[in-house]
Full PDB file with SEQRES, HELIX, SHEET, SSBOND, CRYST1, ORIGX, SCALE, CONECT and MASTER records, all heavy atoms in Angstrom:
SEQRES   1 A   40  PRO ALA ILE GLY GLN ILE LYS GLU THR LEU SER SER LEU          
SEQRES   2 A   40  GLN GLN SER VAL ASN ALA ILE GLN SER ASP GLN GLN LYS          
SEQRES   3 A   40  LEU ALA ALA GLN LEU ASN ASP VAL GLN GLN THR ALA SER          
SEQRES   4 A   40  ALA                                                          
HELIX    1 AA1 ALA A    2  SER A   39  1                                  38    
CRYST1    1.000    1.000    1.000  90.00  90.00  90.00 P 1           1          
ORIGX1      1.000000  0.000000  0.000000        0.00000                         
ORIGX2      0.000000  1.000000  0.000000        0.00000                         
ORIGX3      0.000000  0.000000  1.000000        0.00000                         
SCALE1      1.000000  0.000000  0.000000        0.00000                         
SCALE2      0.000000  1.000000  0.000000        0.00000                         
SCALE3      0.000000  0.000000  1.000000        0.00000                         
ATOM      1  N   PRO A   1      44.070  11.117 -18.513  1.00  0.00           N  
ATOM      2  CA  PRO A   1      43.037  10.082 -18.662  1.00  0.00           C  
ATOM      3  C   PRO A   1      41.844  10.302 -17.730  1.00  0.00           C  
ATOM      4  O   PRO A   1      40.729   9.909 -18.042  1.00  0.00           O  
ATOM      5  CB  PRO A   1      43.749   8.788 -18.314  1.00  0.00           C  
ATOM      6  CG  PRO A   1      45.200   9.076 -18.318  1.00  0.00           C  
ATOM      7  CD  PRO A   1      45.364  10.556 -18.198  1.00  0.00           C  
ATOM      8  N   ALA A   2      42.074  10.919 -16.604  1.00  0.00           N  
ATOM      9  CA  ALA A   2      40.977  11.184 -15.671  1.00  0.00           C  
ATOM     10  C   ALA A   2      39.974  12.158 -16.285  1.00  0.00           C  
ATOM     11  O   ALA A   2      38.767  12.035 -16.066  1.00  0.00           O  
ATOM     12  CB  ALA A   2      41.515  11.736 -14.357  1.00  0.00           C  
ATOM     13  N   ILE A   3      40.472  13.108 -17.071  1.00  0.00           N  
ATOM     14  CA  ILE A   3      39.584  14.077 -17.713  1.00  0.00           C  
ATOM     15  C   ILE A   3      38.691  13.359 -18.712  1.00  0.00           C  
ATOM     16  O   ILE A   3      37.491  13.626 -18.797  1.00  0.00           O  
ATOM     17  CB  ILE A   3      40.397  15.209 -18.376  1.00  0.00           C  
ATOM     18  CG1 ILE A   3      41.087  16.056 -17.300  1.00  0.00           C  
ATOM     19  CG2 ILE A   3      39.496  16.082 -19.237  1.00  0.00           C  
ATOM     20  CD1 ILE A   3      42.020  17.098 -17.839  1.00  0.00           C  
ATOM     21  N   GLY A   4      39.261  12.439 -19.478  1.00  0.00           N  
ATOM     22  CA  GLY A   4      38.467  11.662 -20.428  1.00  0.00           C  
ATOM     23  C   GLY A   4      37.404  10.844 -19.722  1.00  0.00           C  
ATOM     24  O   GLY A   4      36.262  10.753 -20.185  1.00  0.00           O  
ATOM     25  N   GLN A   5      37.760  10.251 -18.593  1.00  0.00           N  
ATOM     26  CA  GLN A   5      36.798   9.455 -17.828  1.00  0.00           C  
ATOM     27  C   GLN A   5      35.693  10.350 -17.280  1.00  0.00           C  
ATOM     28  O   GLN A   5      34.515   9.974 -17.284  1.00  0.00           O  
ATOM     29  CB  GLN A   5      37.510   8.730 -16.695  1.00  0.00           C  
ATOM     30  CG  GLN A   5      36.624   7.786 -15.920  1.00  0.00           C  
ATOM     31  CD  GLN A   5      37.374   7.063 -14.817  1.00  0.00           C  
ATOM     32  OE1 GLN A   5      38.534   7.372 -14.547  1.00  0.00           O  
ATOM     33  NE2 GLN A   5      36.717   6.105 -14.180  1.00  0.00           N  
ATOM     34  N   ILE A   6      36.047  11.536 -16.836  1.00  0.00           N  
ATOM     35  CA  ILE A   6      35.059  12.477 -16.323  1.00  0.00           C  
ATOM     36  C   ILE A   6      34.109  12.888 -17.440  1.00  0.00           C  
ATOM     37  O   ILE A   6      32.889  12.959 -17.246  1.00  0.00           O  
ATOM     38  CB  ILE A   6      35.749  13.704 -15.693  1.00  0.00           C  
ATOM     39  CG1 ILE A   6      36.438  13.303 -14.387  1.00  0.00           C  
ATOM     40  CG2 ILE A   6      34.742  14.829 -15.434  1.00  0.00           C  
ATOM     41  CD1 ILE A   6      37.321  14.374 -13.790  1.00  0.00           C  
ATOM     42  N   LYS A   7      34.657  13.125 -18.632  1.00  0.00           N  
ATOM     43  CA  LYS A   7      33.806  13.500 -19.768  1.00  0.00           C  
ATOM     44  C   LYS A   7      32.848  12.371 -20.125  1.00  0.00           C  
ATOM     45  O   LYS A   7      31.682  12.614 -20.420  1.00  0.00           O  
ATOM     46  CB  LYS A   7      34.662  13.875 -20.976  1.00  0.00           C  
ATOM     47  CG  LYS A   7      35.330  15.218 -20.845  1.00  0.00           C  
ATOM     48  CD  LYS A   7      36.108  15.574 -22.079  1.00  0.00           C  
ATOM     49  CE  LYS A   7      36.773  16.937 -21.953  1.00  0.00           C  
ATOM     50  NZ  LYS A   7      37.525  17.297 -23.163  1.00  0.00           N  
ATOM     51  N   GLU A   8      33.314  11.133 -20.095  1.00  0.00           N  
ATOM     52  CA  GLU A   8      32.450   9.987 -20.390  1.00  0.00           C  
ATOM     53  C   GLU A   8      31.350   9.868 -19.332  1.00  0.00           C  
ATOM     54  O   GLU A   8      30.186   9.619 -19.657  1.00  0.00           O  
ATOM     55  CB  GLU A   8      33.273   8.700 -20.428  1.00  0.00           C  
ATOM     56  CG  GLU A   8      34.178   8.574 -21.632  1.00  0.00           C  
ATOM     57  CD  GLU A   8      35.040   7.322 -21.591  1.00  0.00           C  
ATOM     58  OE1 GLU A   8      34.733   6.401 -20.812  1.00  0.00           O  
ATOM     59  OE2 GLU A   8      36.023   7.273 -22.340  1.00  0.00           O  
ATOM     60  N   THR A   9      31.727  10.072 -18.081  1.00  0.00           N  
ATOM     61  CA  THR A   9      30.750   9.998 -16.997  1.00  0.00           C  
ATOM     62  C   THR A   9      29.702  11.092 -17.151  1.00  0.00           C  
ATOM     63  O   THR A   9      28.503  10.837 -16.996  1.00  0.00           O  
ATOM     64  CB  THR A   9      31.444  10.124 -15.633  1.00  0.00           C  
ATOM     65  OG1 THR A   9      32.460   9.117 -15.532  1.00  0.00           O  
ATOM     66  CG2 THR A   9      30.471   9.981 -14.486  1.00  0.00           C  
ATOM     67  N   LEU A  10      30.143  12.298 -17.482  1.00  0.00           N  
ATOM     68  CA  LEU A  10      29.206  13.399 -17.688  1.00  0.00           C  
ATOM     69  C   LEU A  10      28.272  13.113 -18.859  1.00  0.00           C  
ATOM     70  O   LEU A  10      27.074  13.403 -18.801  1.00  0.00           O  
ATOM     71  CB  LEU A  10      29.961  14.708 -17.915  1.00  0.00           C  
ATOM     72  CG  LEU A  10      30.615  15.330 -16.687  1.00  0.00           C  
ATOM     73  CD1 LEU A  10      31.426  16.565 -17.075  1.00  0.00           C  
ATOM     74  CD2 LEU A  10      29.575  15.702 -15.651  1.00  0.00           C  
ATOM     75  N   SER A  11      28.817  12.540 -19.905  1.00  0.00           N  
ATOM     76  CA  SER A  11      28.003  12.204 -21.077  1.00  0.00           C  
ATOM     77  C   SER A  11      26.937  11.170 -20.713  1.00  0.00           C  
ATOM     78  O   SER A  11      25.767  11.313 -21.081  1.00  0.00           O  
ATOM     79  CB  SER A  11      28.891  11.680 -22.194  1.00  0.00           C  
ATOM     80  OG  SER A  11      28.121  11.250 -23.285  1.00  0.00           O  
ATOM     81  N   SER A  12      27.328  10.140 -19.970  1.00  0.00           N  
ATOM     82  CA  SER A  12      26.351   9.122 -19.577  1.00  0.00           C  
ATOM     83  C   SER A  12      25.319   9.706 -18.617  1.00  0.00           C  
ATOM     84  O   SER A  12      24.139   9.362 -18.686  1.00  0.00           O  
ATOM     85  CB  SER A  12      27.045   7.914 -18.960  1.00  0.00           C  
ATOM     86  OG  SER A  12      27.647   8.252 -17.735  1.00  0.00           O  
ATOM     87  N   LEU A  13      25.737  10.596 -17.730  1.00  0.00           N  
ATOM     88  CA  LEU A  13      24.791  11.243 -16.824  1.00  0.00           C  
ATOM     89  C   LEU A  13      23.806  12.123 -17.596  1.00  0.00           C  
ATOM     90  O   LEU A  13      22.608  12.152 -17.284  1.00  0.00           O  
ATOM     91  CB  LEU A  13      25.530  12.080 -15.782  1.00  0.00           C  
ATOM     92  CG  LEU A  13      26.239  11.313 -14.670  1.00  0.00           C  
ATOM     93  CD1 LEU A  13      27.029  12.266 -13.790  1.00  0.00           C  
ATOM     94  CD2 LEU A  13      25.244  10.532 -13.837  1.00  0.00           C  
ATOM     95  N   GLN A  14      24.290  12.820 -18.618  1.00  0.00           N  
ATOM     96  CA  GLN A  14      23.424  13.659 -19.435  1.00  0.00           C  
ATOM     97  C   GLN A  14      22.392  12.813 -20.166  1.00  0.00           C  
ATOM     98  O   GLN A  14      21.215  13.168 -20.231  1.00  0.00           O  
ATOM     99  CB  GLN A  14      24.250  14.484 -20.436  1.00  0.00           C  
ATOM    100  CG  GLN A  14      23.425  15.442 -21.264  1.00  0.00           C  
ATOM    101  CD  GLN A  14      22.777  16.516 -20.416  1.00  0.00           C  
ATOM    102  OE1 GLN A  14      23.350  16.994 -19.448  1.00  0.00           O  
ATOM    103  NE2 GLN A  14      21.560  16.894 -20.777  1.00  0.00           N  
ATOM    104  N   GLN A  15      22.819  11.654 -20.667  1.00  0.00           N  
ATOM    105  CA  GLN A  15      21.889  10.742 -21.334  1.00  0.00           C  
ATOM    106  C   GLN A  15      20.851  10.227 -20.339  1.00  0.00           C  
ATOM    107  O   GLN A  15      19.664  10.121 -20.664  1.00  0.00           O  
ATOM    108  CB  GLN A  15      22.636   9.584 -21.974  1.00  0.00           C  
ATOM    109  CG  GLN A  15      23.455   9.988 -23.193  1.00  0.00           C  
ATOM    110  CD  GLN A  15      24.306   8.844 -23.728  1.00  0.00           C  
ATOM    111  OE1 GLN A  15      24.385   7.784 -23.117  1.00  0.00           O  
ATOM    112  NE2 GLN A  15      24.940   9.064 -24.859  1.00  0.00           N  
ATOM    113  N   SER A  16      21.289   9.927 -19.128  1.00  0.00           N  
ATOM    114  CA  SER A  16      20.359   9.456 -18.097  1.00  0.00           C  
ATOM    115  C   SER A  16      19.342  10.529 -17.747  1.00  0.00           C  
ATOM    116  O   SER A  16      18.151  10.254 -17.592  1.00  0.00           O  
ATOM    117  CB  SER A  16      21.115   9.037 -16.846  1.00  0.00           C  
ATOM    118  OG  SER A  16      21.986   7.969 -17.119  1.00  0.00           O  
ATOM    119  N   VAL A  17      19.805  11.754 -17.623  1.00  0.00           N  
ATOM    120  CA  VAL A  17      18.911  12.867 -17.307  1.00  0.00           C  
ATOM    121  C   VAL A  17      17.893  13.049 -18.430  1.00  0.00           C  
ATOM    122  O   VAL A  17      16.695  13.251 -18.181  1.00  0.00           O  
ATOM    123  CB  VAL A  17      19.717  14.165 -17.059  1.00  0.00           C  
ATOM    124  CG1 VAL A  17      18.820  15.390 -17.046  1.00  0.00           C  
ATOM    125  CG2 VAL A  17      20.484  14.069 -15.756  1.00  0.00           C  
ATOM    126  N   ASN A  18      18.354  12.966 -19.676  1.00  0.00           N  
ATOM    127  CA  ASN A  18      17.441  13.097 -20.813  1.00  0.00           C  
ATOM    128  C   ASN A  18      16.397  11.985 -20.801  1.00  0.00           C  
ATOM    129  O   ASN A  18      15.215  12.227 -21.071  1.00  0.00           O  
ATOM    130  CB  ASN A  18      18.209  13.095 -22.137  1.00  0.00           C  
ATOM    131  CG  ASN A  18      19.025  14.354 -22.328  1.00  0.00           C  
ATOM    132  OD1 ASN A  18      18.770  15.371 -21.692  1.00  0.00           O  
ATOM    133  ND2 ASN A  18      20.012  14.295 -23.200  1.00  0.00           N  
ATOM    134  N   ALA A  19      16.817  10.759 -20.488  1.00  0.00           N  
ATOM    135  CA  ALA A  19      15.881   9.634 -20.426  1.00  0.00           C  
ATOM    136  C   ALA A  19      14.867   9.841 -19.304  1.00  0.00           C  
ATOM    137  O   ALA A  19      13.672   9.572 -19.477  1.00  0.00           O  
ATOM    138  CB  ALA A  19      16.645   8.329 -20.229  1.00  0.00           C  
ATOM    139  N   ILE A  20      15.322  10.323 -18.161  1.00  0.00           N  
ATOM    140  CA  ILE A  20      14.422  10.569 -17.031  1.00  0.00           C  
ATOM    141  C   ILE A  20      13.405  11.654 -17.392  1.00  0.00           C  
ATOM    142  O   ILE A  20      12.214  11.535 -17.085  1.00  0.00           O  
ATOM    143  CB  ILE A  20      15.222  10.945 -15.767  1.00  0.00           C  
ATOM    144  CG1 ILE A  20      15.969   9.711 -15.248  1.00  0.00           C  
ATOM    145  CG2 ILE A  20      14.318  11.531 -14.690  1.00  0.00           C  
ATOM    146  CD1 ILE A  20      16.955  10.012 -14.140  1.00  0.00           C  
ATOM    147  N   GLN A  21      13.859  12.708 -18.057  1.00  0.00           N  
ATOM    148  CA  GLN A  21      12.943  13.775 -18.454  1.00  0.00           C  
ATOM    149  C   GLN A  21      11.908  13.255 -19.446  1.00  0.00           C  
ATOM    150  O   GLN A  21      10.724  13.605 -19.365  1.00  0.00           O  
ATOM    151  CB  GLN A  21      13.722  14.941 -19.063  1.00  0.00           C  
ATOM    152  CG  GLN A  21      14.493  15.743 -18.043  1.00  0.00           C  
ATOM    153  CD  GLN A  21      15.369  16.817 -18.671  1.00  0.00           C  
ATOM    154  OE1 GLN A  21      15.649  16.788 -19.863  1.00  0.00           O  
ATOM    155  NE2 GLN A  21      15.798  17.775 -17.864  1.00  0.00           N  
ATOM    156  N   SER A  22      12.330  12.414 -20.363  1.00  0.00           N  
ATOM    157  CA  SER A  22      11.401  11.819 -21.324  1.00  0.00           C  
ATOM    158  C   SER A  22      10.369  10.957 -20.604  1.00  0.00           C  
ATOM    159  O   SER A  22       9.169  11.031 -20.895  1.00  0.00           O  
ATOM    160  CB  SER A  22      12.178  10.989 -22.345  1.00  0.00           C  
ATOM    161  OG  SER A  22      11.302  10.304 -23.208  1.00  0.00           O  
ATOM    162  N   ASP A  23      10.827  10.152 -19.648  1.00  0.00           N  
ATOM    163  CA  ASP A  23       9.914   9.311 -18.870  1.00  0.00           C  
ATOM    164  C   ASP A  23       8.934  10.165 -18.059  1.00  0.00           C  
ATOM    165  O   ASP A  23       7.758   9.820 -17.933  1.00  0.00           O  
ATOM    166  CB  ASP A  23      10.692   8.380 -17.936  1.00  0.00           C  
ATOM    167  CG  ASP A  23      11.430   7.276 -18.691  1.00  0.00           C  
ATOM    168  OD1 ASP A  23      11.105   7.034 -19.880  1.00  0.00           O  
ATOM    169  OD2 ASP A  23      12.331   6.656 -18.081  1.00  0.00           O  
ATOM    170  N   GLN A  24       9.418  11.275 -17.514  1.00  0.00           N  
ATOM    171  CA  GLN A  24       8.546  12.167 -16.755  1.00  0.00           C  
ATOM    172  C   GLN A  24       7.449  12.739 -17.648  1.00  0.00           C  
ATOM    173  O   GLN A  24       6.295  12.855 -17.232  1.00  0.00           O  
ATOM    174  CB  GLN A  24       9.350  13.310 -16.134  1.00  0.00           C  
ATOM    175  CG  GLN A  24      10.115  12.934 -14.901  1.00  0.00           C  
ATOM    176  CD  GLN A  24      10.919  14.097 -14.339  1.00  0.00           C  
ATOM    177  OE1 GLN A  24      11.264  15.038 -15.048  1.00  0.00           O  
ATOM    178  NE2 GLN A  24      11.229  14.026 -13.061  1.00  0.00           N  
ATOM    179  N   GLN A  25       7.804  13.096 -18.879  1.00  0.00           N  
ATOM    180  CA  GLN A  25       6.809  13.631 -19.802  1.00  0.00           C  
ATOM    181  C   GLN A  25       5.763  12.569 -20.148  1.00  0.00           C  
ATOM    182  O   GLN A  25       4.566  12.856 -20.201  1.00  0.00           O  
ATOM    183  CB  GLN A  25       7.478  14.151 -21.067  1.00  0.00           C  
ATOM    184  CG  GLN A  25       8.291  15.413 -20.843  1.00  0.00           C  
ATOM    185  CD  GLN A  25       9.095  15.829 -22.057  1.00  0.00           C  
ATOM    186  OE1 GLN A  25       9.190  15.093 -23.031  1.00  0.00           O  
ATOM    187  NE2 GLN A  25       9.683  17.015 -22.013  1.00  0.00           N  
ATOM    188  N   LYS A  26       6.215  11.331 -20.358  1.00  0.00           N  
ATOM    189  CA  LYS A  26       5.277  10.240 -20.654  1.00  0.00           C  
ATOM    190  C   LYS A  26       4.353  10.001 -19.464  1.00  0.00           C  
ATOM    191  O   LYS A  26       3.143   9.826 -19.630  1.00  0.00           O  
ATOM    192  CB  LYS A  26       6.036   8.962 -20.997  1.00  0.00           C  
ATOM    193  CG  LYS A  26       6.738   9.002 -22.338  1.00  0.00           C  
ATOM    194  CD  LYS A  26       7.522   7.723 -22.585  1.00  0.00           C  
ATOM    195  CE  LYS A  26       8.331   7.802 -23.863  1.00  0.00           C  
ATOM    196  NZ  LYS A  26       9.171   6.623 -24.056  1.00  0.00           N  
ATOM    197  N   LEU A  27       4.927   9.981 -18.255  1.00  0.00           N  
ATOM    198  CA  LEU A  27       4.118   9.755 -17.060  1.00  0.00           C  
ATOM    199  C   LEU A  27       3.116  10.897 -16.839  1.00  0.00           C  
ATOM    200  O   LEU A  27       1.989  10.665 -16.404  1.00  0.00           O  
ATOM    201  CB  LEU A  27       5.007   9.583 -15.835  1.00  0.00           C  
ATOM    202  CG  LEU A  27       5.785   8.264 -15.766  1.00  0.00           C  
ATOM    203  CD1 LEU A  27       6.747   8.273 -14.588  1.00  0.00           C  
ATOM    204  CD2 LEU A  27       4.845   7.092 -15.672  1.00  0.00           C  
ATOM    205  N   ALA A  28       3.534  12.116 -17.137  1.00  0.00           N  
ATOM    206  CA  ALA A  28       2.629  13.257 -16.995  1.00  0.00           C  
ATOM    207  C   ALA A  28       1.463  13.124 -17.971  1.00  0.00           C  
ATOM    208  O   ALA A  28       0.309  13.405 -17.607  1.00  0.00           O  
ATOM    209  CB  ALA A  28       3.379  14.565 -17.233  1.00  0.00           C  
ATOM    210  N   ALA A  29       1.732  12.666 -19.197  1.00  0.00           N  
ATOM    211  CA  ALA A  29       0.661  12.464 -20.174  1.00  0.00           C  
ATOM    212  C   ALA A  29      -0.282  11.357 -19.720  1.00  0.00           C  
ATOM    213  O   ALA A  29      -1.510  11.490 -19.827  1.00  0.00           O  
ATOM    214  CB  ALA A  29       1.257  12.142 -21.545  1.00  0.00           C  
ATOM    215  N   GLN A  30       0.280  10.266 -19.191  1.00  0.00           N  
ATOM    216  CA  GLN A  30      -0.554   9.173 -18.701  1.00  0.00           C  
ATOM    217  C   GLN A  30      -1.398   9.625 -17.513  1.00  0.00           C  
ATOM    218  O   GLN A  30      -2.579   9.271 -17.411  1.00  0.00           O  
ATOM    219  CB  GLN A  30       0.315   7.979 -18.308  1.00  0.00           C  
ATOM    220  CG  GLN A  30       0.926   7.248 -19.486  1.00  0.00           C  
ATOM    221  CD  GLN A  30       1.861   6.128 -19.046  1.00  0.00           C  
ATOM    222  OE1 GLN A  30       2.171   5.986 -17.868  1.00  0.00           O  
ATOM    223  NE2 GLN A  30       2.309   5.331 -20.001  1.00  0.00           N  
ATOM    224  N   LEU A  31      -0.806  10.385 -16.608  1.00  0.00           N  
ATOM    225  CA  LEU A  31      -1.543  10.895 -15.449  1.00  0.00           C  
ATOM    226  C   LEU A  31      -2.685  11.797 -15.904  1.00  0.00           C  
ATOM    227  O   LEU A  31      -3.796  11.726 -15.359  1.00  0.00           O  
ATOM    228  CB  LEU A  31      -0.598  11.657 -14.510  1.00  0.00           C  
ATOM    229  CG  LEU A  31      -1.222  12.257 -13.262  1.00  0.00           C  
ATOM    230  CD1 LEU A  31      -1.807  11.163 -12.372  1.00  0.00           C  
ATOM    231  CD2 LEU A  31      -0.204  13.063 -12.494  1.00  0.00           C  
ATOM    232  N   ASN A  32      -2.442  12.612 -16.902  1.00  0.00           N  
ATOM    233  CA  ASN A  32      -3.475  13.485 -17.439  1.00  0.00           C  
ATOM    234  C   ASN A  32      -4.619  12.651 -18.015  1.00  0.00           C  
ATOM    235  O   ASN A  32      -5.792  12.961 -17.786  1.00  0.00           O  
ATOM    236  CB  ASN A  32      -2.876  14.404 -18.504  1.00  0.00           C  
ATOM    237  CG  ASN A  32      -3.823  15.498 -18.915  1.00  0.00           C  
ATOM    238  OD1 ASN A  32      -4.729  15.853 -18.184  1.00  0.00           O  
ATOM    239  ND2 ASN A  32      -3.614  16.044 -20.098  1.00  0.00           N  
ATOM    240  N   ASP A  33      -4.294  11.580 -18.751  1.00  0.00           N  
ATOM    241  CA  ASP A  33      -5.325  10.695 -19.296  1.00  0.00           C  
ATOM    242  C   ASP A  33      -6.139  10.040 -18.187  1.00  0.00           C  
ATOM    243  O   ASP A  33      -7.365   9.955 -18.271  1.00  0.00           O  
ATOM    244  CB  ASP A  33      -4.696   9.613 -20.186  1.00  0.00           C  
ATOM    245  CG  ASP A  33      -4.118  10.176 -21.477  1.00  0.00           C  
ATOM    246  OD1 ASP A  33      -4.478  11.317 -21.845  1.00  0.00           O  
ATOM    247  OD2 ASP A  33      -3.306   9.459 -22.112  1.00  0.00           O  
ATOM    248  N   VAL A  34      -5.461   9.571 -17.141  1.00  0.00           N  
ATOM    249  CA  VAL A  34      -6.153   8.930 -16.014  1.00  0.00           C  
ATOM    250  C   VAL A  34      -7.082   9.931 -15.331  1.00  0.00           C  
ATOM    251  O   VAL A  34      -8.217   9.598 -14.975  1.00  0.00           O  
ATOM    252  CB  VAL A  34      -5.134   8.329 -15.016  1.00  0.00           C  
ATOM    253  CG1 VAL A  34      -5.785   7.932 -13.708  1.00  0.00           C  
ATOM    254  CG2 VAL A  34      -4.423   7.140 -15.650  1.00  0.00           C  
ATOM    255  N   GLN A  35      -6.620  11.156 -15.153  1.00  0.00           N  
ATOM    256  CA  GLN A  35      -7.450  12.174 -14.519  1.00  0.00           C  
ATOM    257  C   GLN A  35      -8.678  12.487 -15.363  1.00  0.00           C  
ATOM    258  O   GLN A  35      -9.785  12.661 -14.831  1.00  0.00           O  
ATOM    259  CB  GLN A  35      -6.631  13.450 -14.273  1.00  0.00           C  
ATOM    260  CG  GLN A  35      -5.637  13.328 -13.135  1.00  0.00           C  
ATOM    261  CD  GLN A  35      -4.750  14.545 -12.990  1.00  0.00           C  
ATOM    262  OE1 GLN A  35      -4.604  15.337 -13.918  1.00  0.00           O  
ATOM    263  NE2 GLN A  35      -4.136  14.696 -11.828  1.00  0.00           N  
ATOM    264  N   GLN A  36      -8.515  12.543 -16.684  1.00  0.00           N  
ATOM    265  CA  GLN A  36      -9.647  12.809 -17.560  1.00  0.00           C  
ATOM    266  C   GLN A  36     -10.650  11.654 -17.506  1.00  0.00           C  
ATOM    267  O   GLN A  36     -11.865  11.870 -17.458  1.00  0.00           O  
ATOM    268  CB  GLN A  36      -9.180  13.030 -19.002  1.00  0.00           C  
ATOM    269  CG  GLN A  36      -8.486  14.361 -19.214  1.00  0.00           C  
ATOM    270  CD  GLN A  36      -7.970  14.534 -20.632  1.00  0.00           C  
ATOM    271  OE1 GLN A  36      -7.976  13.608 -21.428  1.00  0.00           O  
ATOM    272  NE2 GLN A  36      -7.509  15.737 -20.953  1.00  0.00           N  
ATOM    273  N   THR A  37     -10.135  10.421 -17.494  1.00  0.00           N  
ATOM    274  CA  THR A  37     -11.013   9.257 -17.409  1.00  0.00           C  
ATOM    275  C   THR A  37     -11.767   9.246 -16.087  1.00  0.00           C  
ATOM    276  O   THR A  37     -12.982   8.987 -16.055  1.00  0.00           O  
ATOM    277  CB  THR A  37     -10.186   7.953 -17.564  1.00  0.00           C  
ATOM    278  OG1 THR A  37      -9.476   7.999 -18.796  1.00  0.00           O  
ATOM    279  CG2 THR A  37     -11.066   6.731 -17.536  1.00  0.00           C  
ATOM    280  N   ALA A  38     -11.090   9.524 -14.998  1.00  0.00           N  
ATOM    281  CA  ALA A  38     -11.734   9.561 -13.686  1.00  0.00           C  
ATOM    282  C   ALA A  38     -12.788  10.655 -13.635  1.00  0.00           C  
ATOM    283  O   ALA A  38     -13.881  10.456 -13.086  1.00  0.00           O  
ATOM    284  CB  ALA A  38     -10.690   9.775 -12.589  1.00  0.00           C  
ATOM    285  N   SER A  39     -12.491  11.793 -14.223  1.00  0.00           N  
ATOM    286  CA  SER A  39     -13.453  12.891 -14.248  1.00  0.00           C  
ATOM    287  C   SER A  39     -14.691  12.502 -15.055  1.00  0.00           C  
ATOM    288  O   SER A  39     -15.824  12.789 -14.644  1.00  0.00           O  
ATOM    289  CB  SER A  39     -12.792  14.130 -14.848  1.00  0.00           C  
ATOM    290  OG  SER A  39     -13.720  15.186 -14.956  1.00  0.00           O  
ATOM    291  N   ALA A  40     -14.480  11.837 -16.195  1.00  0.00           N  
ATOM    292  CA  ALA A  40     -15.610  11.389 -17.010  1.00  0.00           C  
ATOM    293  C   ALA A  40     -16.439  10.364 -16.240  1.00  0.00           C  
ATOM    294  O   ALA A  40     -17.687  10.406 -16.279  1.00  0.00           O  
ATOM    295  CB  ALA A  40     -15.114  10.803 -18.321  1.00  0.00           C  
TER     296      ALA A  40                                                      
MASTER        0    0    0    1    0    0    0    6  295    1    0    4          
END                                                                             
């Protein structure tokens, strides 16, 4: 049962990492927009 729990934990961690990477991409796009606006 510990192996199953470890697999579930790894799965949830992988989902969290994917969500964080998605958020980072969104923030990078927003930062790029802000920089372009400031430059203009």
